N, C-alpha and C. Protein backbone atom coordinates (compact mmCIF):
# COMPACT_ATOMS: atom_id res chain seq x y z
N UNK A 1 5.82 14.15 2.30
CA UNK A 1 5.71 13.20 0.52
C UNK A 1 4.70 12.71 0.21
N UNK A 2 3.88 11.97 1.26
CA UNK A 2 2.27 11.56 0.91
C UNK A 2 1.56 13.04 -0.01
N UNK A 3 1.55 14.09 0.85
CA UNK A 3 1.16 15.67 0.31
C UNK A 3 1.31 15.66 -1.32
N UNK A 4 2.44 15.60 -1.21
CA UNK A 4 2.65 15.66 -2.44
C UNK A 4 2.84 14.71 -3.67
N UNK A 5 2.20 13.84 -3.08
CA UNK A 5 2.08 12.37 -4.25
C UNK A 5 0.75 13.07 -4.30
N UNK A 6 0.04 13.12 -3.21
CA UNK A 6 -1.66 13.19 -3.65
C UNK A 6 -1.80 14.44 -4.32
N UNK A 7 -1.16 15.66 -4.33
CA UNK A 7 -1.76 16.92 -5.30
C UNK A 7 -0.81 16.57 -6.47
N UNK A 8 0.20 15.62 -6.54
CA UNK A 8 0.25 15.82 -7.93
C UNK A 8 -0.36 14.85 -8.77
N UNK A 9 -1.64 13.72 -8.21
CA UNK A 9 -2.27 12.77 -9.03
C UNK A 9 -3.48 13.32 -8.64
N UNK A 10 -4.06 14.54 -8.12
CA UNK A 10 -5.16 14.63 -8.26
C UNK A 10 -5.32 16.28 -8.70
N UNK A 11 -4.34 16.91 -8.43
CA UNK A 11 -4.15 18.53 -8.77
C UNK A 11 -3.51 18.77 -10.42
N UNK A 12 -3.71 19.87 -10.34
CA UNK A 12 -3.30 20.51 -11.79
C UNK A 12 -1.35 20.65 -11.87
N UNK A 13 -1.23 21.66 -12.79
CA UNK A 13 0.10 21.85 -12.77
C UNK A 13 0.42 22.30 -11.30
N UNK A 14 -0.53 23.63 -10.99
CA UNK A 14 -0.32 24.65 -9.58
C UNK A 14 -0.10 23.53 -8.68
N UNK A 15 -1.12 23.15 -8.74
CA UNK A 15 -1.10 21.76 -7.41
C UNK A 15 0.51 20.49 -7.35
N UNK A 16 0.50 20.42 -8.34
CA UNK A 16 2.04 19.82 -8.73
C UNK A 16 3.31 20.24 -8.01
N UNK A 17 3.01 21.66 -8.47
CA UNK A 17 4.43 22.07 -7.96
C UNK A 17 4.47 22.60 -6.57
N UNK A 18 3.16 23.28 -6.12
CA UNK A 18 2.91 23.02 -4.84
C UNK A 18 3.41 22.15 -4.21
N UNK A 19 2.82 20.70 -4.40
CA UNK A 19 2.79 19.75 -3.92
C UNK A 19 5.01 19.63 -3.72
N UNK A 20 5.56 19.34 -5.12
CA UNK A 20 6.69 19.22 -4.52
C UNK A 20 7.52 20.21 -3.82
N UNK A 21 7.32 21.14 -3.87
CA UNK A 21 7.83 22.33 -3.06
C UNK A 21 7.57 22.24 -1.93
N UNK A 22 6.53 21.83 -1.29
CA UNK A 22 6.21 21.49 0.55
C UNK A 22 7.09 20.44 0.62
N UNK A 23 7.18 19.03 -0.06
CA UNK A 23 8.35 18.11 -0.08
C UNK A 23 9.37 18.05 0.59
N UNK A 24 9.79 18.72 -0.55
CA UNK A 24 11.13 19.92 -0.37
C UNK A 24 11.83 20.45 0.26
N UNK A 25 10.28 21.34 0.53
CA UNK A 25 11.12 22.33 2.00
C UNK A 25 10.96 21.55 2.88
N UNK A 26 9.94 20.99 3.71
CA UNK A 26 9.54 19.75 4.29
C UNK A 26 11.08 19.00 5.15
N UNK A 27 11.51 18.47 3.95
CA UNK A 27 12.89 16.99 4.00
C UNK A 27 13.75 18.46 4.41
N UNK A 28 13.99 19.81 3.68
CA UNK A 28 15.11 20.59 4.04
C UNK A 28 15.30 21.14 5.29
N UNK A 29 13.86 21.81 5.76
CA UNK A 29 13.85 21.64 7.70
C UNK A 29 13.53 20.72 8.08
N UNK A 30 13.50 19.65 8.13
CA UNK A 30 13.50 18.95 9.41
C UNK A 30 15.15 18.41 9.04
N UNK A 31 15.99 18.47 8.18
CA UNK A 31 17.40 18.22 8.00
C UNK A 31 18.19 19.35 8.98
N UNK A 32 17.91 20.08 8.37
CA UNK A 32 18.70 21.38 8.72
C UNK A 32 18.34 21.89 10.11
N UNK A 33 16.98 21.24 10.63
CA UNK A 33 16.83 21.61 12.08
C UNK A 33 17.56 20.40 13.27
N UNK A 34 18.27 19.62 12.51
CA UNK A 34 18.61 18.30 13.13
C UNK A 34 17.70 17.94 14.03
N UNK A 35 16.41 17.46 13.71
CA UNK A 35 15.51 17.21 14.17
C UNK A 35 15.25 15.47 13.93
N UNK A 36 15.59 15.23 12.50
CA UNK A 36 16.09 13.95 11.98
C UNK A 36 16.78 13.74 11.04
N UNK A 37 17.15 12.54 10.34
CA UNK A 37 18.41 12.69 9.69
C UNK A 37 17.47 12.32 8.25
N UNK A 38 18.74 12.18 7.62
CA UNK A 38 18.64 11.89 6.00
C UNK A 38 18.35 10.50 5.44
N UNK A 39 18.11 9.59 6.77
CA UNK A 39 18.16 8.01 6.87
C UNK A 39 16.71 8.37 6.92
N UNK A 40 16.15 8.97 7.73
CA UNK A 40 14.68 9.12 7.70
C UNK A 40 13.53 9.45 6.84
N UNK A 41 14.40 10.58 6.13
CA UNK A 41 13.71 10.89 4.90
C UNK A 41 13.97 9.78 3.73
N UNK A 42 15.20 9.12 3.43
CA UNK A 42 14.82 7.89 2.86
C UNK A 42 13.97 6.88 3.25
N UNK A 43 14.05 5.88 4.93
CA UNK A 43 13.03 5.50 4.94
C UNK A 43 11.90 5.87 4.54
N UNK A 44 11.26 7.15 4.55
CA UNK A 44 9.57 7.44 4.82
C UNK A 44 9.77 7.21 3.02
N UNK A 45 10.66 7.58 2.17
CA UNK A 45 10.34 7.83 0.76
C UNK A 45 10.01 6.23 0.45
N UNK A 46 11.04 4.85 1.19
CA UNK A 46 10.75 3.31 0.76
C UNK A 46 9.44 2.79 1.40
N UNK A 47 8.78 3.82 2.77
CA UNK A 47 7.96 2.76 2.92
C UNK A 47 6.50 3.69 1.88
N UNK A 48 6.53 4.62 1.38
CA UNK A 48 5.74 5.41 0.66
C UNK A 48 5.54 4.71 -0.56
N UNK A 49 6.85 4.39 -1.07
CA UNK A 49 6.79 3.55 -2.50
C UNK A 49 5.92 2.46 -2.18
N UNK A 50 6.53 1.52 -1.17
CA UNK A 50 5.67 -0.10 -0.76
C UNK A 50 4.30 0.73 -0.50
N UNK A 51 3.86 1.80 0.03
CA UNK A 51 2.40 1.69 0.08
C UNK A 51 1.42 1.96 -1.23
N UNK A 52 2.57 2.87 -1.89
CA UNK A 52 1.60 2.85 -3.57
C UNK A 52 1.99 1.80 -3.86
N UNK A 53 3.09 0.40 -4.20
CA UNK A 53 2.75 -0.21 -4.70
C UNK A 53 2.00 -1.27 -4.47
N UNK A 54 1.71 -1.53 -3.58
CA UNK A 54 0.36 -2.57 -2.36
C UNK A 54 -0.55 -1.48 -3.11
N UNK A 55 -1.30 -0.45 -3.01
CA UNK A 55 -2.30 0.08 -3.27
C UNK A 55 -2.50 0.12 -5.06
N UNK A 56 -1.36 0.06 -5.69
CA UNK A 56 -1.85 -0.21 -7.11
C UNK A 56 -2.01 -1.84 -7.35
N UNK A 57 -1.54 -2.96 -6.40
CA UNK A 57 -1.52 -4.50 -6.82
C UNK A 57 -2.92 -4.64 -5.96
N UNK A 58 -3.57 -4.02 -4.98
CA UNK A 58 -4.60 -3.95 -4.18
C UNK A 58 -5.90 -3.66 -5.63
N UNK A 59 -5.66 -3.09 -6.47
CA UNK A 59 -6.51 -2.21 -7.17
C UNK A 59 -6.15 -2.89 -8.11
N UNK A 60 -5.24 -3.81 -9.17
CA UNK A 60 -5.59 -4.67 -9.93
C UNK A 60 -6.02 -5.57 -9.65
N UNK A 61 -6.20 -6.25 -8.04
CA UNK A 61 -6.29 -7.39 -8.32
C UNK A 61 -8.16 -7.34 -7.81
N UNK A 62 -8.42 -6.31 -7.29
CA UNK A 62 -10.40 -6.10 -6.97
C UNK A 62 -10.51 -5.75 -8.72
N UNK A 63 -10.05 -5.26 -9.66
CA UNK A 63 -10.38 -5.06 -11.24
C UNK A 63 -10.32 -6.57 -11.60
N UNK A 64 -9.51 -7.65 -11.44
CA UNK A 64 -9.32 -8.97 -11.95
C UNK A 64 -10.51 -9.85 -11.16
N UNK A 65 -10.97 -9.55 -10.00
CA UNK A 65 -11.91 -10.29 -9.30
C UNK A 65 -13.60 -9.52 -9.69
N UNK A 66 -13.34 -8.47 -9.81
CA UNK A 66 -14.56 -7.74 -10.71
C UNK A 66 -14.74 -8.51 -11.66
N UNK A 67 -14.02 -8.42 -12.84
CA UNK A 67 -14.00 -8.87 -14.17
C UNK A 67 -14.09 -10.69 -14.34
N UNK A 68 -14.10 -11.49 -13.29
CA UNK A 68 -14.01 -12.63 -12.82
C UNK A 68 -15.80 -12.72 -12.47
N UNK A 69 -16.21 -11.84 -12.28
CA UNK A 69 -17.83 -11.79 -11.56
C UNK A 69 -18.77 -12.76 -12.12
N UNK A 70 -19.66 -13.11 -12.23
CA UNK A 70 -20.41 -14.14 -13.01
C UNK A 70 -21.43 -12.52 -13.69
N UNK A 71 -21.73 -12.19 -15.22
CA UNK A 71 -22.55 -11.38 -15.26
C UNK A 71 -23.56 -11.36 -15.08
N UNK A 72 -24.18 -10.73 -14.68
CA UNK A 72 -25.89 -9.98 -14.55
C UNK A 72 -26.43 -10.26 -15.41
N UNK A 73 -27.45 -10.83 -15.87
CA UNK A 73 -28.42 -11.43 -16.82
C UNK A 73 -29.33 -10.44 -16.76
N UNK A 74 -29.91 -9.64 -17.64
CA UNK A 74 -31.03 -8.59 -17.72
C UNK A 74 -32.15 -9.28 -18.61
N UNK A 75 -33.45 -9.41 -18.02
CA UNK A 75 -34.37 -9.99 -18.75
C UNK A 75 -35.31 -8.91 -19.22
N UNK A 76 -35.81 -8.63 -20.40
CA UNK A 76 -36.39 -7.66 -21.05
C UNK A 76 -37.61 -7.90 -20.55
N UNK A 77 -37.99 -6.93 -20.17
CA UNK A 77 -39.67 -6.54 -19.66
C UNK A 77 -40.80 -7.18 -20.65
N UNK A 78 -41.31 -8.57 -20.02
CA UNK A 78 -42.51 -9.01 -20.76
C UNK A 78 -41.90 -10.43 -21.25
N UNK A 79 -40.48 -11.01 -21.74
CA UNK A 79 -40.06 -12.20 -21.98
C UNK A 79 -40.63 -13.02 -21.65
N UNK A 80 -41.14 -13.05 -20.15
CA UNK A 80 -41.71 -14.36 -19.53
C UNK A 80 -42.75 -14.30 -19.69
N UNK A 81 -43.50 -13.85 -20.48
CA UNK A 81 -44.99 -13.47 -20.57
C UNK A 81 -45.58 -14.40 -21.02
C-alpha cells in the first residue's frame, strides 16, 4: 500500500494505475495463499493512514515554526559606510 501511495503522489496517471494495481494484487495474493488474513490488510491500512497523517502534521508544524522564525535582515552594500 505504501508503494501505491508513493506512486500516486509522485507519478503520473500510468504510475498511479500501476501502484493501485500492485496494491490490489498484493493483497489478493496474500489473502488467497492464506499467508495472512484480511485483518492484517486492514491493520496495514490503519498504520499507513496514521503514518501519512503524522507526516502531514509534522510538515505543518515545521512550516509554522519556519514562519515564526525571526526574519533575516539584509543590509545593502555600502549602507553602513
